[in-house]
Protein backbone atom coordinates (compact mmCIF):
# COMPACT_ATOMS: atom_id res chain seq x y z
CA MET A 1 5.71 29.58 -30.51
CA ARG A 2 5.61 30.31 -26.78
CA ARG A 3 8.08 28.45 -24.63
CA PHE A 4 7.12 25.75 -22.19
CA THR A 5 9.08 24.05 -19.42
CA TRP A 6 9.51 20.59 -17.92
CA ASP A 7 7.30 21.87 -15.13
CA ASP A 8 4.47 22.25 -17.65
CA LEU A 9 4.98 18.66 -18.77
CA GLN A 10 4.70 17.46 -15.17
CA PHE A 11 1.29 19.12 -14.94
CA PHE A 12 0.34 17.58 -18.28
CA LEU A 13 1.33 14.06 -17.14
CA ALA A 14 -0.56 14.43 -13.87
CA VAL A 15 -3.78 15.31 -15.71
CA ALA A 16 -3.20 12.61 -18.33
CA ARG A 17 -2.79 9.97 -15.63
CA ASN A 18 -5.61 11.11 -13.36
CA GLY A 19 -8.15 12.39 -15.87
CA GLN A 20 -9.33 15.02 -13.38
CA LEU A 21 -7.96 18.45 -12.48
CA ALA A 22 -8.73 17.97 -8.79
CA SER A 23 -6.90 14.63 -8.60
CA ALA A 24 -3.92 16.04 -10.48
CA ALA A 25 -3.86 19.04 -8.14
CA ARG A 26 -3.77 16.77 -5.08
CA GLN A 27 -0.91 14.79 -6.56
CA LEU A 28 1.04 17.96 -7.35
CA ARG A 29 0.04 19.61 -4.04
CA THR A 30 -1.43 22.67 -5.68
CA ASN A 31 -4.95 23.81 -6.66
CA HIS A 32 -7.02 22.91 -9.70
CA ALA A 33 -6.96 26.48 -11.03
CA THR A 34 -3.17 26.36 -11.29
CA VAL A 35 -3.33 23.01 -13.06
CA SER A 36 -5.90 24.37 -15.51
CA ARG A 37 -3.72 27.40 -16.29
CA ARG A 38 -0.67 25.24 -16.89
CA ILE A 39 -2.56 22.98 -19.30
CA ASP A 40 -3.92 26.01 -21.18
CA ARG A 41 -0.42 27.48 -21.37
CA LEU A 42 1.05 24.26 -22.71
CA GLU A 43 -1.65 23.96 -25.37
CA GLN A 44 -1.01 27.55 -26.44
CA ALA A 45 2.74 26.96 -26.57
CA LEU A 46 2.27 23.88 -28.76
CA SER A 47 -0.63 25.33 -30.76
CA ALA A 48 -2.38 22.01 -30.23
CA LYS A 49 -5.33 20.68 -28.26
CA LEU A 50 -4.09 18.04 -25.82
CA PHE A 51 -7.33 17.19 -24.02
CA GLU A 52 -11.03 16.95 -24.73
CA ARG A 53 -12.92 18.49 -21.81
CA ASN A 54 -16.20 16.83 -20.83
CA PRO A 55 -18.25 16.30 -17.64
CA ARG A 56 -16.32 13.11 -16.91
CA GLY A 57 -12.97 14.88 -16.94
CA TYR A 58 -10.05 15.39 -19.29
CA MET A 59 -9.58 12.87 -22.13
CA LEU A 60 -6.39 12.82 -24.19
CA THR A 61 -6.58 13.74 -27.86
CA ALA A 62 -4.43 11.94 -30.43
CA VAL A 63 -1.83 14.71 -30.10
CA GLY A 64 -1.98 14.38 -26.32
CA GLU A 65 -1.37 10.64 -26.48
CA ARG A 66 1.75 11.20 -28.58
CA LEU A 67 2.99 13.82 -26.14
CA VAL A 68 2.54 11.41 -23.21
CA GLN A 69 5.15 9.09 -24.69
CA SER A 70 7.69 11.88 -25.09
CA ALA A 71 6.93 13.41 -21.69
CA GLU A 72 7.31 10.06 -19.92
CA GLN A 73 10.69 9.58 -21.58
CA ILE A 74 11.77 12.99 -20.30
CA GLU A 75 10.41 12.08 -16.86
CA ARG A 76 12.46 8.87 -16.78
CA GLU A 77 15.62 10.67 -17.85
CA ALA A 78 15.08 13.34 -15.21
CA ALA A 79 14.56 10.68 -12.52
CA ASN A 80 17.73 8.86 -13.63
CA PHE A 81 19.69 12.08 -13.42
CA ARG A 82 18.34 12.80 -9.94
CA ASN A 83 19.30 9.31 -8.80
CA GLU A 84 22.80 9.62 -10.22
CA ALA A 85 23.25 12.99 -8.57
CA ALA A 86 21.86 11.73 -5.27
CA SER A 87 23.92 8.53 -5.25
CA GLY A 88 27.03 10.54 -4.54
CA ALA A 89 25.50 12.17 -1.48
CA SER A 90 25.90 10.45 1.88
CA GLN A 91 23.01 12.30 3.51
CA VAL A 92 19.45 10.99 3.21
CA THR A 93 17.24 14.00 2.53
CA GLY A 94 13.99 15.00 0.83
CA VAL A 95 10.42 13.77 1.20
CA LEU A 96 9.58 10.07 1.39
CA ARG A 97 5.99 8.89 1.16
CA LEU A 98 5.47 5.27 2.16
CA SER A 99 2.20 3.50 1.41
CA THR A 100 1.45 0.34 3.36
CA LEU A 101 -1.42 -1.93 4.31
CA GLU A 102 -3.18 -0.88 7.50
CA GLY A 103 -2.19 -3.85 9.63
CA PHE A 104 1.52 -3.70 8.84
CA GLY A 105 1.63 0.07 9.03
CA SER A 106 -0.30 0.51 12.27
CA TYR A 107 0.64 -2.63 14.24
CA PHE A 108 4.25 -3.18 13.21
CA LEU A 109 5.84 -0.24 11.44
CA ALA A 110 4.32 2.65 13.40
CA ASP A 111 6.19 1.66 16.58
CA ARG A 112 9.50 1.29 14.74
CA LEU A 113 9.46 4.06 12.14
CA PRO A 114 10.26 6.81 14.69
CA ARG A 115 13.73 5.31 15.14
CA PHE A 116 14.30 5.61 11.39
CA ALA A 117 13.10 9.21 11.52
CA GLU A 118 15.48 10.01 14.37
CA ALA A 119 18.39 8.59 12.38
CA HIS A 120 17.51 10.72 9.33
CA ALA A 121 16.58 14.12 10.69
CA ASN A 122 16.73 15.78 7.25
CA LEU A 123 14.18 13.39 5.75
CA SER A 124 10.46 14.22 5.79
CA ILE A 125 8.43 11.01 6.17
CA GLU A 126 4.80 10.47 5.16
CA LEU A 127 3.16 7.17 6.20
CA VAL A 128 0.00 6.35 4.22
CA THR A 129 -2.24 3.53 5.52
CA ILE A 130 -5.47 4.13 3.58
CA GLN A 131 -7.46 1.10 2.48
CA GLN A 132 -6.73 1.17 -1.23
CA ILE A 133 -3.87 0.60 -3.61
CA VAL A 134 -1.78 3.73 -4.00
CA SER A 135 -0.39 4.19 -7.50
CA LEU A 136 3.38 4.29 -7.81
CA SER A 137 3.07 4.98 -11.53
CA ARG A 138 1.18 8.19 -10.74
CA ARG A 139 3.80 9.08 -8.12
CA GLU A 140 1.19 8.96 -5.34
CA ALA A 141 3.84 7.25 -3.21
CA ASP A 142 7.59 6.71 -3.41
CA MET A 143 7.47 3.22 -1.98
CA SER A 144 4.69 0.73 -1.19
CA ILE A 145 4.47 -2.32 1.02
CA THR A 146 2.07 -4.73 -0.64
CA LEU A 147 0.93 -8.37 -0.72
CA THR A 148 1.90 -8.79 -4.37
CA SER A 149 5.04 -8.12 -6.37
CA PRO A 150 4.24 -6.40 -9.69
CA ARG A 151 6.27 -8.33 -12.25
CA THR A 152 6.85 -5.51 -14.68
CA ASP A 153 9.93 -3.64 -15.83
CA PHE A 154 8.64 -0.42 -14.28
CA TYR A 155 9.03 -1.56 -10.66
CA HIS A 156 11.75 -2.75 -8.33
CA TYR A 157 10.52 -5.21 -5.71
CA GLU A 158 12.07 -6.94 -2.71
CA LYS A 159 10.50 -9.43 -0.32
CA ILE A 160 10.21 -8.21 3.25
CA THR A 161 8.87 -11.25 5.07
CA THR A 162 6.40 -14.11 5.10
CA TYR A 163 3.70 -13.81 7.75
CA ARG A 164 1.00 -16.13 9.04
CA LEU A 165 -2.64 -15.64 9.85
CA PHE A 166 -4.85 -17.72 12.15
CA VAL A 167 -8.50 -17.71 13.17
CA TYR A 168 -8.84 -15.94 16.53
CA GLY A 169 -11.50 -15.43 19.15
CA THR A 170 -11.45 -14.18 22.73
CA ARG A 171 -11.27 -16.68 25.58
CA SER A 172 -14.69 -15.61 26.82
CA TYR A 173 -16.22 -15.97 23.35
CA LEU A 174 -14.80 -19.46 22.86
CA ASP A 175 -15.92 -20.55 26.34
CA SER A 176 -19.51 -19.49 25.67
CA HIS A 177 -19.96 -20.77 22.09
CA PRO A 178 -19.97 -24.21 20.41
CA PRO A 179 -16.56 -25.95 20.40
CA ILE A 180 -14.43 -25.82 17.26
CA GLU A 181 -12.85 -29.17 16.42
CA LYS A 182 -12.81 -29.02 12.62
CA ARG A 183 -13.15 -26.41 9.87
CA GLU A 184 -16.84 -27.11 9.33
CA ASP A 185 -17.53 -26.07 12.93
CA LEU A 186 -16.75 -22.49 11.92
CA LEU A 187 -20.08 -22.38 10.08
CA ALA A 188 -21.83 -22.26 13.46
CA HIS A 189 -20.00 -19.06 14.40
CA ARG A 190 -20.21 -15.44 13.32
CA MET A 191 -17.16 -14.59 11.24
CA ILE A 192 -15.64 -11.11 11.09
CA GLY A 193 -13.90 -10.00 7.91
CA TYR A 194 -13.55 -7.60 5.02
CA ILE A 195 -16.47 -6.22 3.01
CA GLU A 196 -16.43 -8.61 0.08
CA ASP A 197 -16.97 -6.15 -2.76
CA MET A 198 -14.34 -3.80 -1.30
CA ILE A 199 -11.48 -6.32 -1.11
CA PHE A 200 -8.83 -4.60 -3.21
CA THR A 201 -6.30 -7.43 -3.41
CA PRO A 202 -6.92 -11.22 -3.59
CA GLY A 203 -4.57 -11.83 -0.68
CA LEU A 204 -7.18 -10.43 1.73
CA ASP A 205 -9.91 -12.86 0.63
CA TYR A 206 -9.42 -15.41 3.42
CA HIS A 207 -12.73 -17.17 3.98
CA ARG A 208 -13.03 -18.96 0.64
CA GLU A 209 -9.54 -20.34 1.21
CA ILE A 210 -10.49 -21.71 4.62
CA LEU A 211 -13.82 -23.31 3.75
CA PRO A 212 -16.20 -23.06 0.77
CA GLY A 213 -19.34 -21.24 1.86
CA LEU A 214 -17.70 -19.57 4.85
CA ARG A 215 -18.56 -15.87 4.85
CA ALA A 216 -18.21 -12.95 7.20
CA SER A 217 -21.49 -11.64 8.58
CA TYR A 218 -19.75 -8.76 10.38
CA GLN A 219 -17.72 -6.86 7.82
CA SER A 220 -15.43 -3.84 7.78
CA SER A 221 -12.92 -2.42 5.31
CA SER A 222 -10.57 -1.80 8.26
CA ILE A 223 -8.50 -4.55 9.88
CA HIS A 224 -8.33 -2.38 13.00
CA ALA A 225 -12.14 -2.33 13.21
CA GLN A 226 -12.20 -6.11 12.70
CA LEU A 227 -9.73 -6.56 15.55
CA ARG A 228 -11.77 -4.34 17.87
CA ALA A 229 -14.95 -6.29 17.06
CA THR A 230 -13.14 -9.56 17.82
CA LEU A 231 -11.94 -8.20 21.17
CA LYS A 232 -15.55 -7.22 21.95
CA GLY A 233 -16.63 -10.83 21.44
CA VAL A 234 -18.61 -10.29 18.24
CA GLY A 235 -17.18 -13.44 16.65
CA LEU A 236 -14.12 -15.05 15.10
CA CYS A 237 -11.66 -13.27 12.83
CA VAL A 238 -8.70 -14.14 10.59
CA LEU A 239 -5.85 -11.99 11.90
CA PRO A 240 -2.10 -11.78 11.30
CA HIS A 241 -0.20 -13.29 14.20
CA PHE A 242 1.90 -10.14 14.58
CA MET A 243 -1.31 -8.21 15.35
CA ALA A 244 -3.06 -10.75 17.57
CA ALA A 245 0.06 -11.50 19.61
CA GLY A 246 -0.33 -8.16 21.36
CA PHE A 247 -3.61 -9.19 23.01
CA ASP A 248 -3.51 -11.93 25.65
CA GLU A 249 -7.27 -12.48 25.47
CA LEU A 250 -7.09 -13.64 21.84
CA VAL A 251 -6.79 -17.39 21.29
CA PRO A 252 -6.14 -19.06 17.90
CA VAL A 253 -8.21 -22.11 16.92
CA LEU A 254 -7.25 -25.12 14.77
CA THR A 255 -3.71 -23.79 14.40
CA ARG A 256 -2.37 -26.99 12.83
CA ASP A 257 -5.21 -27.13 10.31
CA ILE A 258 -5.93 -23.49 9.49
CA LEU A 259 -2.75 -21.60 8.76
CA LEU A 260 -2.64 -18.98 6.02
CA GLU A 261 0.61 -17.54 4.71
CA ARG A 262 1.15 -14.28 2.86
CA ASP A 263 4.20 -12.26 1.86
CA TYR A 264 4.91 -8.57 2.28
CA TRP A 265 6.80 -6.94 -0.57
CA CYS A 266 8.61 -3.62 -0.76
CA VAL A 267 7.91 -2.02 -4.14
CA SER A 268 9.27 1.16 -5.66
CA HIS A 269 9.40 2.67 -9.12
CA ARG A 270 12.54 1.42 -10.84
CA ASP A 271 13.60 5.00 -11.60
CA LEU A 272 13.67 5.76 -7.86
CA SER A 273 14.82 2.45 -6.40
CA ALA A 274 18.48 3.49 -6.10
CA ALA A 275 17.76 6.84 -4.45
CA PRO A 276 19.42 6.99 -0.99
CA ARG A 277 16.16 7.71 0.85
CA ILE A 278 14.44 4.72 -0.81
CA ARG A 279 17.34 2.37 -0.11
CA ALA A 280 17.64 3.54 3.48
CA LEU A 281 13.98 2.88 4.27
CA ALA A 282 13.82 -0.44 2.39
CA GLU A 283 16.85 -1.75 4.27
CA PHE A 284 15.44 -0.51 7.59
CA VAL A 285 12.08 -2.25 7.06
CA GLN A 286 13.75 -5.49 5.98
CA ALA A 287 16.07 -5.47 9.00
CA GLU A 288 13.17 -4.85 11.39
CA ALA A 289 11.18 -7.68 9.82
CA ARG A 290 14.12 -10.10 10.10
CA SER A 291 14.57 -9.31 13.78
CA ALA A 292 10.86 -9.97 14.38
CA ALA A 293 10.62 -13.19 12.34
CA GLN A 294 8.80 -15.17 15.03
CA LEU A 295 6.32 -12.36 15.57
CA PHE A 296 5.33 -12.76 11.92
CA LEU A 297 5.41 -16.57 11.80
CA GLY A 298 4.22 -17.76 15.21
CA ASP A 299 6.03 -21.09 14.89
CA HIS A 300 5.15 -21.99 18.49
CA LEU A 301 1.47 -22.18 17.53
CA VAL A 302 2.06 -24.95 14.99
CA GLY A 303 4.86 -26.79 16.77
CA ALA A 304 7.44 -25.79 14.15
């Protein structure tokens, strides 16, 4: 039997979790030809077929499914060992990929993260703000900032902050359109919001919560694009206070009646949660959020 290494098992797990060579290659930061060679080598070493190849991708065989369980156990043990070894080191080093929602990442964290980077010169930081859920289980990110806390044994989660959202329009828009005195008056206005069939987490589905039948007729998957449309006077938009507060021309409506609250959570894989780089960033983000509590809550808008 030919020998194989833990490295081969990492390639195997990446393909098993992604189902595609190209996706596995992106995760491993290599090319699909290398991934294919590693899978072939592992199958030869084990004298067993681990995947069925078809036009849709790579599907695990029964032998492959059994190997996944063993490989994941090895992966967990390796991660635990790395954490134990790293816990004795005072220096925060390595690569840290943080996935976050666009609004929080671009309008709050982006201005503050450089200070964290300056304090940890030996740490390489990757900030991901794409409009989809990045998989921690597939190691697509080391830490995520989300609207939900996954209540499973695989993840470690900590609350960052509660934040509030209000309905906003520009002063000029509100001056030139019908007055808004109750929720039902919103039906006479163009609403700006997310593309309904692309909402990837229930926490972003605002309009049904505000008023049954209220829908956005100007839609974008990007909160930045929604904000720009609002500033151009296209209509009204549900925006986090911490975003809207940076634009004097934006005015909230019905602030005592329409007030939505959401929570940001810091989530990491349990195997990595004690790593110095993860702890350092989690504590930094929480401290920054605490110091900006009123930016997130906007108590002055509701007379709190």
